[in-house]
Amino acid sequence: MTDYELTKLEENAIQIINEKDLVYQNELYKLIDCSSGHGSKIARKLAEKELIIRDKDESGKYILKRADKDPKDLNYNLLMSGNMLSPFIGEDEVDIHSDRFTKWLMNLPDKK
């Protein structure tokens, strides 16, 4: 995400768009209970921050879609320790006393 702090209406808009996968912009303001102008402003702002995708359909109406990130664009650096992936990935519980966790922990870079 970004350093951008969301308002309650913006959070509601993102939640609705993510749940429905696609929402027409002219319906959004009704769903989040605000004016059409405010709904348009929210849609533009969320699209600028790349939190949603805002496109036009064939008729020229704005459609709002979830902004799923392409896996190749994701940054996994925070999960890495040297060339080892965090043992917390894909595990329900991690034994913090295990050799696997200790090796991963010992490979973390020294941040001075």
PDB file of N, CA and C in Angstrom:
ATOM      1  N   MET A   1       0.844  -1.170   0.000  1.00  0.00           N
ATOM      2  CA  MET A   1       0.000   0.000   0.000  1.00  0.00           C
ATOM      3  C   MET A   1       0.889   1.231   0.000  1.00  0.00           C
ATOM      4  N   THR A   2       0.291   2.396   0.127  1.00  0.00           N
ATOM      5  CA  THR A   2       1.038   3.637   0.128  1.00  0.00           C
ATOM      6  C   THR A   2       0.998   4.269   1.501  1.00  0.00           C
ATOM      7  N   ASP A   3       1.635   5.450   1.627  1.00  0.00           N
ATOM      8  CA  ASP A   3       1.589   6.208   2.869  1.00  0.00           C
ATOM      9  C   ASP A   3       0.301   7.002   2.977  1.00  0.00           C
ATOM     10  N   TYR A   4      -0.547   6.879   2.003  1.00  0.00           N
ATOM     11  CA  TYR A   4      -1.799   7.611   1.921  1.00  0.00           C
ATOM     12  C   TYR A   4      -2.792   7.081   2.946  1.00  0.00           C
ATOM     13  N   GLU A   5      -3.351   7.970   3.765  1.00  0.00           N
ATOM     14  CA  GLU A   5      -4.333   7.563   4.772  1.00  0.00           C
ATOM     15  C   GLU A   5      -5.731   7.669   4.174  1.00  0.00           C
ATOM     16  N   LEU A   6      -6.501   6.593   4.257  1.00  0.00           N
ATOM     17  CA  LEU A   6      -7.825   6.534   3.658  1.00  0.00           C
ATOM     18  C   LEU A   6      -8.892   7.070   4.598  1.00  0.00           C
ATOM     19  N   THR A   7      -9.890   7.739   4.021  1.00  0.00           N
ATOM     20  CA  THR A   7     -11.062   8.147   4.789  1.00  0.00           C
ATOM     21  C   THR A   7     -11.989   6.940   4.915  1.00  0.00           C
ATOM     22  N   LYS A   8     -12.981   7.058   5.753  1.00  0.00           N
ATOM     23  CA  LYS A   8     -13.946   5.972   5.933  1.00  0.00           C
ATOM     24  C   LYS A   8     -14.690   5.686   4.622  1.00  0.00           C
ATOM     25  N   LEU A   9     -15.073   6.738   3.897  1.00  0.00           N
ATOM     26  CA  LEU A   9     -15.760   6.536   2.621  1.00  0.00           C
ATOM     27  C   LEU A   9     -14.858   5.843   1.602  1.00  0.00           C
ATOM     28  N   GLU A  10     -13.576   6.212   1.577  1.00  0.00           N
ATOM     29  CA  GLU A  10     -12.638   5.576   0.651  1.00  0.00           C
ATOM     30  C   GLU A  10     -12.445   4.106   0.997  1.00  0.00           C
ATOM     31  N   GLU A  11     -12.350   3.798   2.284  1.00  0.00           N
ATOM     32  CA  GLU A  11     -12.241   2.398   2.716  1.00  0.00           C
ATOM     33  C   GLU A  11     -13.475   1.617   2.297  1.00  0.00           C
ATOM     34  N   ASN A  12     -14.655   2.229   2.485  1.00  0.00           N
ATOM     35  CA  ASN A  12     -15.904   1.566   2.089  1.00  0.00           C
ATOM     36  C   ASN A  12     -15.938   1.330   0.580  1.00  0.00           C
ATOM     37  N   ALA A  13     -15.488   2.315  -0.185  1.00  0.00           N
ATOM     38  CA  ALA A  13     -15.475   2.191  -1.643  1.00  0.00           C
ATOM     39  C   ALA A  13     -14.581   1.038  -2.073  1.00  0.00           C
ATOM     40  N   ILE A  14     -13.385   0.964  -1.516  1.00  0.00           N
ATOM     41  CA  ILE A  14     -12.462  -0.122  -1.871  1.00  0.00           C
ATOM     42  C   ILE A  14     -13.059  -1.474  -1.495  1.00  0.00           C
ATOM     43  N   GLN A  15     -13.660  -1.554  -0.323  1.00  0.00           N
ATOM     44  CA  GLN A  15     -14.255  -2.818   0.119  1.00  0.00           C
ATOM     45  C   GLN A  15     -15.374  -3.253  -0.841  1.00  0.00           C
ATOM     46  N   ILE A  16     -16.223  -2.326  -1.236  1.00  0.00           N
ATOM     47  CA  ILE A  16     -17.320  -2.649  -2.153  1.00  0.00           C
ATOM     48  C   ILE A  16     -16.772  -3.090  -3.509  1.00  0.00           C
ATOM     49  N   ILE A  17     -15.807  -2.362  -4.022  1.00  0.00           N
ATOM     50  CA  ILE A  17     -15.221  -2.702  -5.329  1.00  0.00           C
ATOM     51  C   ILE A  17     -14.545  -4.066  -5.273  1.00  0.00           C
ATOM     52  N   ASN A  18     -13.821  -4.339  -4.197  1.00  0.00           N
ATOM     53  CA  ASN A  18     -13.160  -5.639  -4.064  1.00  0.00           C
ATOM     54  C   ASN A  18     -14.162  -6.781  -3.949  1.00  0.00           C
ATOM     55  N   GLU A  19     -15.275  -6.549  -3.258  1.00  0.00           N
ATOM     56  CA  GLU A  19     -16.289  -7.593  -3.100  1.00  0.00           C
ATOM     57  C   GLU A  19     -17.027  -7.871  -4.403  1.00  0.00           C
ATOM     58  N   LYS A  20     -17.319  -6.813  -5.160  1.00  0.00           N
ATOM     59  CA  LYS A  20     -18.111  -6.964  -6.380  1.00  0.00           C
ATOM     60  C   LYS A  20     -17.249  -7.182  -7.621  1.00  0.00           C
ATOM     61  N   ASP A  21     -15.953  -6.956  -7.536  1.00  0.00           N
ATOM     62  CA  ASP A  21     -15.011  -7.042  -8.655  1.00  0.00           C
ATOM     63  C   ASP A  21     -15.169  -5.906  -9.663  1.00  0.00           C
ATOM     64  N   LEU A  22     -16.380  -5.412  -9.867  1.00  0.00           N
ATOM     65  CA  LEU A  22     -16.609  -4.335 -10.833  1.00  0.00           C
ATOM     66  C   LEU A  22     -17.831  -3.540 -10.389  1.00  0.00           C
ATOM     67  N   VAL A  23     -17.684  -2.211 -10.350  1.00  0.00           N
ATOM     68  CA  VAL A  23     -18.781  -1.320  -9.974  1.00  0.00           C
ATOM     69  C   VAL A  23     -18.759  -0.138 -10.934  1.00  0.00           C
ATOM     70  N   TYR A  24     -19.922   0.262 -11.428  1.00  0.00           N
ATOM     71  CA  TYR A  24     -19.989   1.484 -12.216  1.00  0.00           C
ATOM     72  C   TYR A  24     -19.826   2.680 -11.281  1.00  0.00           C
ATOM     73  N   GLN A  25     -19.050   3.662 -11.737  1.00  0.00           N
ATOM     74  CA  GLN A  25     -18.789   4.830 -10.894  1.00  0.00           C
ATOM     75  C   GLN A  25     -20.084   5.540 -10.523  1.00  0.00           C
ATOM     76  N   ASN A  26     -21.056   5.574 -11.444  1.00  0.00           N
ATOM     77  CA  ASN A  26     -22.313   6.260 -11.140  1.00  0.00           C
ATOM     78  C   ASN A  26     -23.173   5.494 -10.131  1.00  0.00           C
ATOM     79  N   GLU A  27     -22.783   4.290  -9.763  1.00  0.00           N
ATOM     80  CA  GLU A  27     -23.457   3.530  -8.706  1.00  0.00           C
ATOM     81  C   GLU A  27     -22.711   3.641  -7.379  1.00  0.00           C
ATOM     82  N   LEU A  28     -21.421   3.917  -7.451  1.00  0.00           N
ATOM     83  CA  LEU A  28     -20.590   3.910  -6.248  1.00  0.00           C
ATOM     84  C   LEU A  28     -21.091   4.884  -5.202  1.00  0.00           C
ATOM     85  N   TYR A  29     -21.422   6.114  -5.619  1.00  0.00           N
ATOM     86  CA  TYR A  29     -21.811   7.107  -4.626  1.00  0.00           C
ATOM     87  C   TYR A  29     -23.065   6.688  -3.862  1.00  0.00           C
ATOM     88  N   LYS A  30     -23.958   5.948  -4.526  1.00  0.00           N
ATOM     89  CA  LYS A  30     -25.160   5.445  -3.844  1.00  0.00           C
ATOM     90  C   LYS A  30     -24.776   4.373  -2.822  1.00  0.00           C
ATOM     91  N   LEU A  31     -23.831   3.533  -3.210  1.00  0.00           N
ATOM     92  CA  LEU A  31     -23.428   2.425  -2.343  1.00  0.00           C
ATOM     93  C   LEU A  31     -22.669   2.890  -1.102  1.00  0.00           C
ATOM     94  N   ILE A  32     -21.951   4.021  -1.230  1.00  0.00           N
ATOM     95  CA  ILE A  32     -21.200   4.523  -0.068  1.00  0.00           C
ATOM     96  C   ILE A  32     -21.876   5.722   0.580  1.00  0.00           C
ATOM     97  N   ASP A  33     -23.065   6.074   0.057  1.00  0.00           N
ATOM     98  CA  ASP A  33     -23.911   7.122   0.636  1.00  0.00           C
ATOM     99  C   ASP A  33     -23.223   8.488   0.664  1.00  0.00           C
ATOM    100  N   CYS A  34     -22.917   8.978  -0.543  1.00  0.00           N
ATOM    101  CA  CYS A  34     -22.359  10.329  -0.667  1.00  0.00           C
ATOM    102  C   CYS A  34     -22.877  10.943  -1.960  1.00  0.00           C
ATOM    103  N   SER A  35     -22.535  12.196  -2.225  1.00  0.00           N
ATOM    104  CA  SER A  35     -22.975  12.858  -3.458  1.00  0.00           C
ATOM    105  C   SER A  35     -22.247  12.261  -4.660  1.00  0.00           C
ATOM    106  N   SER A  36     -22.814  12.458  -5.842  1.00  0.00           N
ATOM    107  CA  SER A  36     -22.168  11.916  -7.038  1.00  0.00           C
ATOM    108  C   SER A  36     -20.815  12.578  -7.279  1.00  0.00           C
ATOM    109  N   GLY A  37     -20.722  13.874  -7.013  1.00  0.00           N
ATOM    110  CA  GLY A  37     -19.439  14.570  -7.176  1.00  0.00           C
ATOM    111  C   GLY A  37     -18.375  14.046  -6.227  1.00  0.00           C
ATOM    112  N   HIS A  38     -18.777  13.804  -4.984  1.00  0.00           N
ATOM    113  CA  HIS A  38     -17.828  13.265  -4.001  1.00  0.00           C
ATOM    114  C   HIS A  38     -17.427  11.841  -4.369  1.00  0.00           C
ATOM    115  N   GLY A  39     -18.393  11.059  -4.862  1.00  0.00           N
ATOM    116  CA  GLY A  39     -18.082   9.696  -5.298  1.00  0.00           C
ATOM    117  C   GLY A  39     -17.099   9.683  -6.451  1.00  0.00           C
ATOM    118  N   SER A  40     -17.259  10.617  -7.392  1.00  0.00           N
ATOM    119  CA  SER A  40     -16.322  10.724  -8.520  1.00  0.00           C
ATOM    120  C   SER A  40     -14.930  11.111  -8.041  1.00  0.00           C
ATOM    121  N   LYS A  41     -14.882  12.045  -7.106  1.00  0.00           N
ATOM    122  CA  LYS A  41     -13.597  12.484  -6.549  1.00  0.00           C
ATOM    123  C   LYS A  41     -12.893  11.325  -5.845  1.00  0.00           C
ATOM    124  N   ILE A  42     -13.639  10.533  -5.083  1.00  0.00           N
ATOM    125  CA  ILE A  42     -13.076   9.372  -4.395  1.00  0.00           C
ATOM    126  C   ILE A  42     -12.537   8.364  -5.408  1.00  0.00           C
ATOM    127  N   ALA A  43     -13.321   8.092  -6.457  1.00  0.00           N
ATOM    128  CA  ALA A  43     -12.895   7.127  -7.479  1.00  0.00           C
ATOM    129  C   ALA A  43     -11.610   7.584  -8.151  1.00  0.00           C
ATOM    130  N   ARG A  44     -11.530   8.865  -8.526  1.00  0.00           N
ATOM    131  CA  ARG A  44     -10.320   9.393  -9.165  1.00  0.00           C
ATOM    132  C   ARG A  44      -9.117   9.295  -8.233  1.00  0.00           C
ATOM    133  N   LYS A  45      -9.314   9.653  -6.970  1.00  0.00           N
ATOM    134  CA  LYS A  45      -8.220   9.642  -6.003  1.00  0.00           C
ATOM    135  C   LYS A  45      -7.702   8.219  -5.771  1.00  0.00           C
ATOM    136  N   LEU A  46      -8.617   7.253  -5.630  1.00  0.00           N
ATOM    137  CA  LEU A  46      -8.210   5.864  -5.413  1.00  0.00           C
ATOM    138  C   LEU A  46      -7.492   5.298  -6.636  1.00  0.00           C
ATOM    139  N   ALA A  47      -7.934   5.703  -7.818  1.00  0.00           N
ATOM    140  CA  ALA A  47      -7.274   5.249  -9.047  1.00  0.00           C
ATOM    141  C   ALA A  47      -5.880   5.863  -9.169  1.00  0.00           C
ATOM    142  N   GLU A  48      -5.743   7.149  -8.817  1.00  0.00           N
ATOM    143  CA  GLU A  48      -4.433   7.802  -8.851  1.00  0.00           C
ATOM    144  C   GLU A  48      -3.445   7.113  -7.917  1.00  0.00           C
ATOM    145  N   LYS A  49      -3.937   6.641  -6.781  1.00  0.00           N
ATOM    146  CA  LYS A  49      -3.096   5.950  -5.807  1.00  0.00           C
ATOM    147  C   LYS A  49      -2.924   4.467  -6.147  1.00  0.00           C
ATOM    148  N   GLU A  50      -3.514   4.053  -7.285  1.00  0.00           N
ATOM    149  CA  GLU A  50      -3.444   2.673  -7.779  1.00  0.00           C
ATOM    150  C   GLU A  50      -4.046   1.661  -6.805  1.00  0.00           C
ATOM    151  N   LEU A  51      -5.061   2.117  -6.054  1.00  0.00           N
ATOM    152  CA  LEU A  51      -5.761   1.228  -5.137  1.00  0.00           C
ATOM    153  C   LEU A  51      -6.940   0.549  -5.830  1.00  0.00           C
ATOM    154  N   ILE A  52      -7.394   1.153  -6.940  1.00  0.00           N
ATOM    155  CA  ILE A  52      -8.416   0.558  -7.805  1.00  0.00           C
ATOM    156  C   ILE A  52      -8.035   0.874  -9.249  1.00  0.00           C
ATOM    157  N   ILE A  53      -8.742   0.252 -10.184  1.00  0.00           N
ATOM    158  CA  ILE A  53      -8.575   0.559 -11.604  1.00  0.00           C
ATOM    159  C   ILE A  53      -9.841   1.263 -12.064  1.00  0.00           C
ATOM    160  N   ARG A  54      -9.681   2.376 -12.746  1.00  0.00           N
ATOM    161  CA  ARG A  54     -10.810   3.166 -13.247  1.00  0.00           C
ATOM    162  C   ARG A  54     -10.690   3.248 -14.759  1.00  0.00           C
ATOM    163  N   ASP A  55     -11.615   2.592 -15.463  1.00  0.00           N
ATOM    164  CA  ASP A  55     -11.619   2.549 -16.927  1.00  0.00           C
ATOM    165  C   ASP A  55     -12.996   2.949 -17.439  1.00  0.00           C
ATOM    166  N   LYS A  56     -13.068   3.199 -18.733  1.00  0.00           N
ATOM    167  CA  LYS A  56     -14.365   3.451 -19.365  1.00  0.00           C
ATOM    168  C   LYS A  56     -14.802   2.192 -20.111  1.00  0.00           C
ATOM    169  N   ASP A  57     -16.111   1.930 -20.072  1.00  0.00           N
ATOM    170  CA  ASP A  57     -16.632   0.817 -20.873  1.00  0.00           C
ATOM    171  C   ASP A  57     -16.938   1.317 -22.284  1.00  0.00           C
ATOM    172  N   GLU A  58     -17.546   0.466 -23.120  1.00  0.00           N
ATOM    173  CA  GLU A  58     -17.822   0.805 -24.512  1.00  0.00           C
ATOM    174  C   GLU A  58     -18.729   2.023 -24.644  1.00  0.00           C
ATOM    175  N   SER A  59     -19.607   2.224 -23.675  1.00  0.00           N
ATOM    176  CA  SER A  59     -20.549   3.344 -23.746  1.00  0.00           C
ATOM    177  C   SER A  59     -19.977   4.634 -23.150  1.00  0.00           C
ATOM    178  N   GLY A  60     -18.763   4.563 -22.610  1.00  0.00           N
ATOM    179  CA  GLY A  60     -18.129   5.752 -22.045  1.00  0.00           C
ATOM    180  C   GLY A  60     -18.338   5.924 -20.558  1.00  0.00           C
ATOM    181  N   LYS A  61     -19.050   4.987 -19.930  1.00  0.00           N
ATOM    182  CA  LYS A  61     -19.269   5.061 -18.482  1.00  0.00           C
ATOM    183  C   LYS A  61     -18.032   4.533 -17.763  1.00  0.00           C
ATOM    184  N   TYR A  62     -17.729   5.170 -16.619  1.00  0.00           N
ATOM    185  CA  TYR A  62     -16.580   4.714 -15.831  1.00  0.00           C
ATOM    186  C   TYR A  62     -16.930   3.447 -15.060  1.00  0.00           C
ATOM    187  N   ILE A  63     -16.018   2.481 -15.141  1.00  0.00           N
ATOM    188  CA  ILE A  63     -16.138   1.269 -14.337  1.00  0.00           C
ATOM    189  C   ILE A  63     -14.942   1.217 -13.396  1.00  0.00           C
ATOM    190  N   LEU A  64     -15.197   0.742 -12.203  1.00  0.00           N
ATOM    191  CA  LEU A  64     -14.176   0.646 -11.162  1.00  0.00           C
ATOM    192  C   LEU A  64     -13.950  -0.822 -10.864  1.00  0.00           C
ATOM    193  N   LYS A  65     -12.683  -1.235 -10.880  1.00  0.00           N
ATOM    194  CA  LYS A  65     -12.343  -2.639 -10.664  1.00  0.00           C
ATOM    195  C   LYS A  65     -11.274  -2.749  -9.594  1.00  0.00           C
ATOM    196  N   ARG A  66     -11.199  -3.920  -9.017  1.00  0.00           N
ATOM    197  CA  ARG A  66     -10.159  -4.175  -8.020  1.00  0.00           C
ATOM    198  C   ARG A  66      -8.798  -4.090  -8.687  1.00  0.00           C
ATOM    199  N   ALA A  67      -7.829  -3.611  -7.938  1.00  0.00           N
ATOM    200  CA  ALA A  67      -6.477  -3.405  -8.477  1.00  0.00           C
ATOM    201  C   ALA A  67      -5.570  -4.547  -8.031  1.00  0.00           C
ATOM    202  N   ASP A  68      -5.820  -5.719  -8.570  1.00  0.00           N
ATOM    203  CA  ASP A  68      -4.973  -6.865  -8.248  1.00  0.00           C
ATOM    204  C   ASP A  68      -3.585  -6.611  -8.804  1.00  0.00           C
ATOM    205  N   LYS A  69      -2.607  -6.819  -7.975  1.00  0.00           N
ATOM    206  CA  LYS A  69      -1.220  -6.617  -8.391  1.00  0.00           C
ATOM    207  C   LYS A  69      -0.724  -7.849  -9.126  1.00  0.00           C
ATOM    208  N   ASP A  70       0.078  -7.623 -10.136  1.00  0.00           N
ATOM    209  CA  ASP A  70       0.726  -8.700 -10.862  1.00  0.00           C
ATOM    210  C   ASP A  70       1.801  -9.280  -9.948  1.00  0.00           C
ATOM    211  N   PRO A  71       1.830 -10.601  -9.727  1.00  0.00           N
ATOM    212  CA  PRO A  71       2.822 -11.189  -8.816  1.00  0.00           C
ATOM    213  C   PRO A  71       4.261 -10.811  -9.152  1.00  0.00           C
ATOM    214  N   LYS A  72       4.563 -10.558 -10.424  1.00  0.00           N
ATOM    215  CA  LYS A  72       5.935 -10.195 -10.777  1.00  0.00           C
ATOM    216  C   LYS A  72       6.293  -8.794 -10.285  1.00  0.00           C
ATOM    217  N   ASP A  73       5.264  -7.981  -9.913  1.00  0.00           N
ATOM    218  CA  ASP A  73       5.505  -6.631  -9.410  1.00  0.00           C
ATOM    219  C   ASP A  73       5.645  -6.585  -7.891  1.00  0.00           C
ATOM    220  N   LEU A  74       5.392  -7.692  -7.220  1.00  0.00           N
ATOM    221  CA  LEU A  74       5.456  -7.710  -5.761  1.00  0.00           C
ATOM    222  C   LEU A  74       6.902  -7.775  -5.280  1.00  0.00           C
ATOM    223  N   ASN A  75       7.170  -7.167  -4.147  1.00  0.00           N
ATOM    224  CA  ASN A  75       8.510  -7.132  -3.568  1.00  0.00           C
ATOM    225  C   ASN A  75       8.544  -8.077  -2.362  1.00  0.00           C
ATOM    226  N   TYR A  76       9.358  -9.109  -2.474  1.00  0.00           N
ATOM    227  CA  TYR A  76       9.447 -10.105  -1.408  1.00  0.00           C
ATOM    228  C   TYR A  76      10.663  -9.894  -0.502  1.00  0.00           C
ATOM    229  N   ASN A  77      11.346  -8.783  -0.648  1.00  0.00           N
ATOM    230  CA  ASN A  77      12.576  -8.546   0.120  1.00  0.00           C
ATOM    231  C   ASN A  77      12.381  -8.640   1.625  1.00  0.00           C
ATOM    232  N   LEU A  78      11.242  -8.200   2.135  1.00  0.00           N
ATOM    233  CA  LEU A  78      11.025  -8.238   3.581  1.00  0.00           C
ATOM    234  C   LEU A  78      10.832  -9.663   4.107  1.00  0.00           C
ATOM    235  N   LEU A  79      10.582 -10.600   3.211  1.00  0.00           N
ATOM    236  CA  LEU A  79      10.406 -11.995   3.612  1.00  0.00           C
ATOM    237  C   LEU A  79      11.703 -12.784   3.521  1.00  0.00           C
ATOM    238  N   MET A  80      12.735 -12.140   2.983  1.00  0.00           N
ATOM    239  CA  MET A  80      13.984 -12.835   2.728  1.00  0.00           C
ATOM    240  C   MET A  80      15.022 -12.550   3.805  1.00  0.00           C
ATOM    241  N   SER A  81      15.828 -13.536   4.056  1.00  0.00           N
ATOM    242  CA  SER A  81      16.995 -13.411   4.918  1.00  0.00           C
ATOM    243  C   SER A  81      18.123 -14.103   4.172  1.00  0.00           C
ATOM    244  N   GLY A  82      18.999 -13.295   3.580  1.00  0.00           N
ATOM    245  CA  GLY A  82      19.980 -13.871   2.666  1.00  0.00           C
ATOM    246  C   GLY A  82      19.224 -14.422   1.481  1.00  0.00           C
ATOM    247  N   ASN A  83      19.408 -15.702   1.188  1.00  0.00           N
ATOM    248  CA  ASN A  83      18.649 -16.322   0.105  1.00  0.00           C
ATOM    249  C   ASN A  83      17.557 -17.253   0.631  1.00  0.00           C
ATOM    250  N   MET A  84      17.212 -17.100   1.906  1.00  0.00           N
ATOM    251  CA  MET A  84      16.206 -17.962   2.544  1.00  0.00           C
ATOM    252  C   MET A  84      14.887 -17.219   2.701  1.00  0.00           C
ATOM    253  N   LEU A  85      13.792 -17.862   2.301  1.00  0.00           N
ATOM    254  CA  LEU A  85      12.463 -17.317   2.483  1.00  0.00           C
ATOM    255  C   LEU A  85      12.010 -17.542   3.925  1.00  0.00           C
ATOM    256  N   SER A  86      11.282 -16.603   4.469  1.00  0.00           N
ATOM    257  CA  SER A  86      10.814 -16.693   5.847  1.00  0.00           C
ATOM    258  C   SER A  86      10.104 -18.018   6.113  1.00  0.00           C
ATOM    259  N   PRO A  87      10.398 -18.638   7.237  1.00  0.00           N
ATOM    260  CA  PRO A  87       9.711 -19.879   7.582  1.00  0.00           C
ATOM    261  C   PRO A  87       8.241 -19.664   7.933  1.00  0.00           C
ATOM    262  N   PHE A  88       7.825 -18.408   8.076  1.00  0.00           N
ATOM    263  CA  PHE A  88       6.433 -18.117   8.395  1.00  0.00           C
ATOM    264  C   PHE A  88       5.520 -18.232   7.178  1.00  0.00           C
ATOM    265  N   ILE A  89       6.105 -18.324   5.995  1.00  0.00           N
ATOM    266  CA  ILE A  89       5.307 -18.413   4.780  1.00  0.00           C
ATOM    267  C   ILE A  89       4.825 -19.844   4.597  1.00  0.00           C
ATOM    268  N   GLY A  90       3.520 -19.996   4.485  1.00  0.00           N
ATOM    269  CA  GLY A  90       2.935 -21.297   4.209  1.00  0.00           C
ATOM    270  C   GLY A  90       2.838 -22.224   5.406  1.00  0.00           C
ATOM    271  N   GLU A  91       3.143 -21.731   6.567  1.00  0.00           N
ATOM    272  CA  GLU A  91       3.065 -22.564   7.765  1.00  0.00           C
ATOM    273  C   GLU A  91       1.977 -22.002   8.680  1.00  0.00           C
ATOM    274  N   ASP A  92       1.203 -22.887   9.292  1.00  0.00           N
ATOM    275  CA  ASP A  92       0.213 -22.423  10.261  1.00  0.00           C
ATOM    276  C   ASP A  92       0.898 -21.971  11.547  1.00  0.00           C
ATOM    277  N   GLU A  93       1.854 -22.764  11.984  1.00  0.00           N
ATOM    278  CA  GLU A  93       2.612 -22.434  13.183  1.00  0.00           C
ATOM    279  C   GLU A  93       4.089 -22.690  12.909  1.00  0.00           C
ATOM    280  N   VAL A  94       4.924 -21.827  13.444  1.00  0.00           N
ATOM    281  CA  VAL A  94       6.363 -21.988  13.287  1.00  0.00           C
ATOM    282  C   VAL A  94       6.961 -22.159  14.667  1.00  0.00           C
ATOM    283  N   ASP A  95       7.770 -23.182  14.795  1.00  0.00           N
ATOM    284  CA  ASP A  95       8.482 -23.418  16.052  1.00  0.00           C
ATOM    285  C   ASP A  95       9.673 -22.473  16.096  1.00  0.00           C
ATOM    286  N   ILE A  96       9.611 -21.478  16.966  1.00  0.00           N
ATOM    287  CA  ILE A  96      10.700 -20.500  17.034  1.00  0.00           C
ATOM    288  C   ILE A  96      11.978 -21.099  17.605  1.00  0.00           C
ATOM    289  N   HIS A  97      11.917 -22.317  18.062  1.00  0.00           N
ATOM    290  CA  HIS A  97      13.107 -22.997  18.576  1.00  0.00           C
ATOM    291  C   HIS A  97      13.691 -23.970  17.546  1.00  0.00           C
ATOM    292  N   SER A  98      13.106 -23.984  16.345  1.00  0.00           N
ATOM    293  CA  SER A  98      13.579 -24.919  15.319  1.00  0.00           C
ATOM    294  C   SER A  98      14.860 -24.420  14.670  1.00  0.00           C
ATOM    295  N   ASP A  99      15.621 -25.351  14.084  1.00  0.00           N
ATOM    296  CA  ASP A  99      16.837 -24.991  13.356  1.00  0.00           C
ATOM    297  C   ASP A  99      16.514 -24.113  12.153  1.00  0.00           C
ATOM    298  N   ARG A 100      15.416 -24.417  11.484  1.00  0.00           N
ATOM    299  CA  ARG A 100      15.027 -23.654  10.298  1.00  0.00           C
ATOM    300  C   ARG A 100      14.818 -22.181  10.634  1.00  0.00           C
ATOM    301  N   PHE A 101      14.102 -21.904  11.718  1.00  0.00           N
ATOM    302  CA  PHE A 101      13.867 -20.524  12.118  1.00  0.00           C
ATOM    303  C   PHE A 101      15.164 -19.858  12.572  1.00  0.00           C
ATOM    304  N   THR A 102      15.968 -20.569  13.323  1.00  0.00           N
ATOM    305  CA  THR A 102      17.242 -20.012  13.810  1.00  0.00           C
ATOM    306  C   THR A 102      18.150 -19.643  12.649  1.00  0.00           C
ATOM    307  N   LYS A 103      18.260 -20.516  11.636  1.00  0.00           N
ATOM    308  CA  LYS A 103      19.096 -20.217  10.461  1.00  0.00           C
ATOM    309  C   LYS A 103      18.579 -18.985   9.722  1.00  0.00           C
ATOM    310  N   TRP A 104      17.262 -18.913   9.548  1.00  0.00           N
ATOM    311  CA  TRP A 104      16.684 -17.764   8.874  1.00  0.00           C
ATOM    312  C   TRP A 104      16.979 -16.479   9.656  1.00  0.00           C
ATOM    313  N   LEU A 105      16.779 -16.536  10.954  1.00  0.00           N
ATOM    314  CA  LEU A 105      17.004 -15.379  11.816  1.00  0.00           C
ATOM    315  C   LEU A 105      18.464 -14.936  11.788  1.00  0.00           C
ATOM    316  N   MET A 106      19.384 -15.893  11.807  1.00  0.00           N
ATOM    317  CA  MET A 106      20.814 -15.571  11.827  1.00  0.00           C
ATOM    318  C   MET A 106      21.288 -14.972  10.495  1.00  0.00           C
ATOM    319  N   ASN A 107      20.531 -15.198   9.426  1.00  0.00           N
ATOM    320  CA  ASN A 107      20.895 -14.635   8.107  1.00  0.00           C
ATOM    321  C   ASN A 107      20.341 -13.245   7.882  1.00  0.00           C
ATOM    322  N   LEU A 108      19.529 -12.732   8.809  1.00  0.00           N
ATOM    323  CA  LEU A 108      18.992 -11.385   8.645  1.00  0.00           C
ATOM    324  C   LEU A 108      20.143 -10.381   8.619  1.00  0.00           C
ATOM    325  N   PRO A 109      20.068  -9.389   7.748  1.00  0.00           N
ATOM    326  CA  PRO A 109      21.150  -8.387   7.694  1.00  0.00           C
ATOM    327  C   PRO A 109      21.193  -7.576   8.981  1.00  0.00           C
ATOM    328  N   ASP A 110      22.382  -7.188   9.346  1.00  0.00           N
ATOM    329  CA  ASP A 110      22.596  -6.375  10.548  1.00  0.00           C
ATOM    330  C   ASP A 110      22.256  -4.932  10.205  1.00  0.00           C
ATOM    331  N   LYS A 111      21.215  -4.392  10.811  1.00  0.00           N
ATOM    332  CA  LYS A 111      20.789  -2.997  10.558  1.00  0.00           C
ATOM    333  C   LYS A 111      21.327  -2.134  11.698  1.00  0.00           C
ATOM    334  N   LYS A 112      22.383  -1.397  11.416  1.00  0.00           N
ATOM    335  CA  LYS A 112      22.966  -0.537  12.461  1.00  0.00           C
ATOM    336  C   LYS A 112      22.524   0.868  12.319  1.00  0.00           C
TER     337      LYS A 112
END
